[in-house]
Protein backbone atom coordinates (compact mmCIF):
# COMPACT_ATOMS: atom_id res chain seq x y z
CA MET A 1 -1.26 -12.20 7.55
CA ILE A 2 -3.92 -9.50 7.17
CA THR A 3 -2.33 -7.83 4.12
CA HIS A 4 -2.04 -11.12 2.25
CA ALA A 5 -5.68 -11.90 3.02
CA VAL A 6 -6.59 -8.71 1.14
CA ILE A 7 -4.17 -9.31 -1.72
CA PHE A 8 -5.40 -12.84 -2.36
CA ALA A 9 -9.11 -12.20 -1.64
CA PRO A 10 -11.63 -13.47 -4.22
CA ILE A 11 -11.83 -11.62 -7.54
CA GLY A 12 -15.25 -10.60 -8.91
CA GLN A 13 -16.57 -12.49 -11.87
CA ALA A 14 -16.23 -9.49 -14.20
CA SER A 15 -12.61 -8.86 -13.23
CA ARG A 16 -10.55 -11.86 -14.24
CA SER A 17 -6.96 -11.71 -15.46
CA ASP A 18 -6.47 -7.94 -15.78
CA GLN A 19 -7.60 -7.22 -12.20
CA ILE A 20 -5.47 -10.03 -10.84
CA VAL A 21 -2.49 -8.50 -12.65
CA GLN A 22 -3.33 -5.06 -11.26
CA ARG A 23 -3.79 -6.27 -7.69
CA LEU A 24 -0.63 -8.38 -7.60
CA SER A 25 1.39 -5.71 -9.44
CA ASN A 26 0.33 -3.10 -6.89
CA ALA A 27 1.21 -5.44 -4.02
CA ILE A 28 4.64 -6.17 -5.52
CA ILE A 29 5.47 -2.57 -6.42
CA THR A 30 4.56 -1.28 -2.96
CA GLY A 31 6.50 -4.07 -1.24
CA LEU A 32 3.50 -5.79 0.33
CA LEU A 33 4.76 -8.87 -1.49
CA GLU A 34 8.49 -8.79 -0.78
CA ALA A 35 11.42 -9.53 -3.09
CA ASN A 36 12.02 -13.30 -3.39
CA GLU A 37 8.70 -14.10 -1.70
CA GLN A 38 7.08 -17.17 -3.20
CA LEU A 39 3.49 -16.85 -4.44
CA PRO A 40 0.97 -19.61 -3.76
CA ASN A 41 0.86 -22.19 -6.54
CA GLU A 42 -1.60 -21.85 -9.43
CA ALA A 43 -4.16 -24.22 -7.92
CA ASP A 44 -4.14 -22.44 -4.56
CA LEU A 45 -4.27 -18.98 -6.19
CA ALA A 46 -7.25 -20.04 -8.33
CA LYS A 47 -9.09 -21.29 -5.23
CA MET A 48 -8.19 -18.27 -3.07
CA MET A 49 -9.10 -15.68 -5.72
CA GLY A 50 -12.16 -17.50 -7.06
CA VAL A 51 -11.09 -17.79 -10.69
CA SER A 52 -10.05 -20.54 -13.10
CA HIS A 53 -6.57 -22.00 -13.46
CA ILE A 54 -6.40 -20.55 -16.98
CA THR A 55 -7.11 -17.03 -15.67
CA ILE A 56 -4.38 -17.37 -13.03
CA ARG A 57 -1.91 -18.68 -15.63
CA GLU A 58 -2.65 -15.72 -17.93
CA ALA A 59 -2.11 -13.26 -15.08
CA LEU A 60 1.15 -14.89 -13.99
CA ASN A 61 2.40 -14.86 -17.59
CA THR A 62 1.74 -11.09 -17.73
CA LEU A 63 3.55 -10.53 -14.43
CA ARG A 64 6.52 -12.52 -15.76
CA ALA A 65 6.54 -10.50 -18.98
CA ASN A 66 6.63 -7.31 -16.87
CA ASN A 67 9.59 -8.68 -14.88
CA LEU A 68 7.63 -8.55 -11.63
CA ILE A 69 7.90 -12.29 -10.96
CA HIS A 70 10.11 -15.11 -12.16
CA THR A 71 9.55 -18.84 -12.22
CA VAL A 72 11.87 -21.54 -10.91
CA ARG A 73 11.36 -25.08 -12.19
CA GLY A 74 11.87 -28.25 -10.21
CA ARG A 75 11.01 -29.72 -6.84
CA ASN A 76 11.44 -26.48 -4.89
CA GLY A 77 10.26 -24.29 -7.74
CA GLY A 78 7.39 -21.86 -8.13
CA SER A 79 6.73 -18.19 -8.87
CA PHE A 80 8.81 -15.67 -6.92
CA VAL A 81 8.77 -11.87 -6.66
CA CYS A 82 11.70 -10.29 -8.53
CA GLU A 83 14.32 -8.42 -6.52
CA GLN A 84 14.47 -5.33 -8.73
CA THR A 85 10.79 -4.45 -8.48
CA TRP A 86 11.39 -1.32 -6.38
CA GLU A 87 13.23 0.24 -9.32
CA PHE A 88 10.08 0.02 -11.44
CA SER A 89 8.01 1.95 -8.90
CA ASN A 90 10.62 4.52 -7.91
CA ILE A 91 10.11 6.93 -10.79
CA LEU A 92 13.06 9.26 -11.33
CA ASN A 93 11.07 12.45 -10.89
CA PRO A 94 7.30 11.95 -10.55
CA PHE A 95 6.69 15.63 -9.78
CA LYS A 96 7.74 16.54 -13.31
CA THR A 97 4.40 15.59 -14.86
CA LEU A 98 1.99 15.84 -11.91
CA SER A 99 0.01 18.99 -11.17
CA THR A 100 -0.86 20.36 -7.74
CA ASP A 101 -4.53 19.75 -8.60
CA TYR A 102 -3.75 16.10 -9.27
CA LEU A 103 -1.92 15.74 -5.95
CA SER A 104 -4.74 17.49 -4.09
CA ASP A 105 -7.34 15.21 -5.69
CA LEU A 106 -5.24 12.13 -4.92
CA GLY A 107 -4.94 13.24 -1.31
CA GLU A 108 -8.67 13.86 -0.99
CA MET A 109 -9.45 10.40 -2.37
CA HIS A 110 -6.94 8.78 -0.04
CA CYS A 111 -8.24 10.78 2.91
CA ALA A 112 -11.78 9.57 2.22
CA ILE A 113 -10.65 5.93 2.17
CA ILE A 114 -8.43 6.04 5.27
CA SER A 115 -10.64 8.29 7.42
CA HIS A 116 -13.70 6.11 6.81
CA SER A 117 -11.60 2.97 7.31
CA ALA A 118 -10.48 4.41 10.66
CA ARG A 119 -14.12 5.12 11.58
CA LEU A 120 -15.09 1.49 11.01
CA ALA A 121 -11.84 0.11 12.44
CA SER A 122 -12.42 2.00 15.69
CA ARG A 123 -15.57 -0.08 16.14
CA ARG A 124 -14.25 -3.42 14.89
CA MET A 125 -10.52 -3.76 15.69
CA THR A 126 -9.57 -6.49 18.15
CA ASN A 127 -6.65 -6.39 20.56
CA ALA A 128 -4.75 -8.62 18.14
CA ASP A 129 -5.40 -6.10 15.34
CA ILE A 130 -4.09 -3.27 17.51
CA THR A 131 -0.95 -5.25 18.37
CA ARG A 132 -0.33 -6.02 14.70
CA LEU A 133 -0.74 -2.38 13.68
CA ARG A 134 1.55 -1.29 16.52
CA ASP A 135 4.18 -3.75 15.25
CA PHE A 136 3.89 -2.28 11.74
CA VAL A 137 4.37 1.25 13.11
CA GLU A 138 7.42 0.11 15.07
CA VAL A 139 8.91 -1.23 11.83
CA LEU A 140 8.20 2.13 10.20
CA SER A 141 9.83 3.94 13.11
CA ALA A 142 12.97 1.80 12.92
CA SER A 143 13.32 1.99 9.12
CA THR A 144 16.23 4.04 7.86
CA THR A 145 15.83 4.18 4.07
CA PRO A 146 13.04 5.84 2.01
CA GLU A 147 12.22 2.48 0.41
CA ALA A 148 11.87 0.64 3.72
CA ARG A 149 9.87 3.50 5.25
CA THR A 150 7.51 3.58 2.27
CA GLN A 151 6.91 -0.15 2.35
CA ALA A 152 6.27 -0.05 6.09
CA ASP A 153 3.88 2.88 5.65
CA MET A 154 1.96 1.01 2.94
CA ARG A 155 1.51 -1.92 5.33
CA CYS A 156 0.22 0.42 8.04
CA LEU A 157 -2.33 2.03 5.72
CA LEU A 158 -3.49 -1.29 4.32
CA ALA A 159 -3.83 -2.72 7.82
CA ILE A 160 -6.11 0.18 8.80
CA ALA A 161 -8.22 -0.35 5.67
CA ALA A 162 -8.37 -4.11 6.24
CA CYS A 163 -9.42 -3.63 9.87
CA SER A 164 -12.48 -1.74 8.63
CA GLN A 165 -13.65 -5.24 7.58
CA SER A 166 -14.76 -3.72 4.27
CA ALA A 167 -13.32 -5.63 1.31
CA ARG A 168 -14.08 -2.70 -1.02
CA LEU A 169 -12.23 -0.17 1.13
CA ALA A 170 -9.23 -2.47 1.51
CA ASN A 171 -9.09 -3.18 -2.23
CA GLN A 172 -9.38 0.53 -3.11
CA GLU A 173 -6.52 1.28 -0.71
CA LEU A 174 -4.38 -1.36 -2.38
CA ILE A 175 -5.11 0.08 -5.83
CA LEU A 176 -4.39 3.63 -4.69
CA GLN A 177 -1.01 2.65 -3.27
CA SER A 178 0.48 2.14 -6.73
CA GLU A 179 0.17 5.92 -7.24
CA TRP A 180 0.90 6.90 -3.65
CA SER A 181 4.04 4.87 -2.92
CA SER A 182 6.48 6.42 -5.42
CA LEU A 183 5.49 9.89 -4.22
CA VAL A 184 5.75 9.36 -0.47
CA ALA A 185 9.12 7.64 -0.96
CA ILE A 186 10.43 11.10 -1.77
CA LEU A 187 8.94 12.51 1.43
CA PHE A 188 10.51 9.77 3.52
CA ARG A 189 13.97 11.07 2.62
CA SER A 190 13.27 13.67 5.30
CA GLU A 191 13.98 12.62 8.88
CA ASN A 192 11.58 15.29 10.19
CA ILE A 193 8.69 14.09 8.01
CA HIS A 194 9.43 10.49 8.93
CA ARG A 195 9.23 11.30 12.64
CA GLU A 196 6.07 13.40 12.22
CA ILE A 197 4.31 10.54 10.42
CA VAL A 198 5.37 8.00 13.05
CA ASP A 199 4.00 10.29 15.79
CA LEU A 200 0.67 10.57 13.97
CA TYR A 201 0.43 6.80 13.61
CA THR A 202 1.21 6.38 17.31
CA SER A 203 -1.59 8.79 18.23
CA LEU A 204 -3.95 7.02 15.85
CA ILE A 205 -3.25 3.63 17.43
CA ASP A 206 -4.04 5.02 20.88
CA VAL A 207 -7.47 6.33 19.85
CA LEU A 208 -8.25 3.21 17.83
CA ALA A 209 -7.41 1.10 20.88
CA SER A 210 -9.79 3.19 22.99
CA HIS A 211 -12.48 2.85 20.26
CA ASN A 212 -12.77 6.64 20.05
CA GLU A 213 -14.48 6.98 16.67
CA VAL A 214 -14.41 10.78 16.37
CA GLU A 215 -10.71 11.12 17.24
CA SER A 216 -9.82 8.13 15.05
CA VAL A 217 -11.36 9.90 12.06
CA ASN A 218 -9.70 13.22 12.94
CA ILE A 219 -6.21 11.77 13.31
CA ALA A 220 -6.53 9.56 10.22
CA LYS A 221 -7.59 12.64 8.24
CA ASN A 222 -4.68 14.62 9.69
CA LEU A 223 -2.29 11.81 8.70
CA ILE A 224 -3.26 11.86 5.03
CA ASP A 225 -3.59 15.67 4.96
CA THR A 226 -0.01 15.88 6.27
CA PHE A 227 1.24 13.65 3.48
CA THR A 228 -0.71 15.70 0.92
CA PHE A 229 0.62 19.01 2.25
CA TYR A 230 4.21 17.82 1.89
CA LEU A 231 3.56 16.36 -1.57
CA ILE A 232 2.22 19.69 -2.82
CA GLU A 233 5.08 21.54 -1.10
CA ASN A 234 7.61 19.31 -2.90
CA LYS A 235 5.83 19.84 -6.21
CA LEU A 236 6.05 23.63 -5.79
CA LYS A 237 9.73 23.38 -4.86
CA HIS A 238 10.34 21.26 -7.96
CA ASN A 239 8.62 23.88 -10.14
CA ALA A 240 10.71 26.65 -8.60
CA ASN A 241 13.94 24.73 -9.10
CA SER A 242 13.04 23.90 -12.71
CA THR A 243 12.35 27.52 -13.66
CA PRO A 244 15.25 28.97 -15.70
């Protein structure tokens, strides 16, 4: 699976345990690694991520301490993603402490990643990649809860970044999603916003499939700008409602 290839890609030599914890935490919180999903064993993780067994064990211990994974002993045992992880990412009211400048800056950073990913993906995506992305968008379209819609959206965005075939872009997208996911979950309570986002993804797939680089960049930019507009709008509404 393309998302798992990014999640378990090799870690740089200077990164070690803390970056493994960050990458896997982000993947769990955003739902890319699903509740009750079993992680590869320590030996396989060490080989896949290019680090020592000790480094993997330290990272898994931290994830267990943070209640993101749990370990089952025995023949069918291993490390599994905890069921309650969504509760950790779904902050009660994230707009309380975030400024409009922060949201604007976050949107600009995300727009830079996704629009450039779309530029490269328009040149490099295969028919199989297009089919996979279309499947992800169909899951997003059929989702009925904010949590499910957010997790489907995160998969769509990561798939676009991964199809750029740039490991740095894909990894930056994964890191950014830990901030992004709890915010857009609020937006996905709206049926109108949900439908607007699905329509934008559908248009983006069409231009990616035709390898139209200019339109791929324009629609990808429009997608993230739409999210950012609604985030700032919700922040302003929260401020207005909080004013005595």
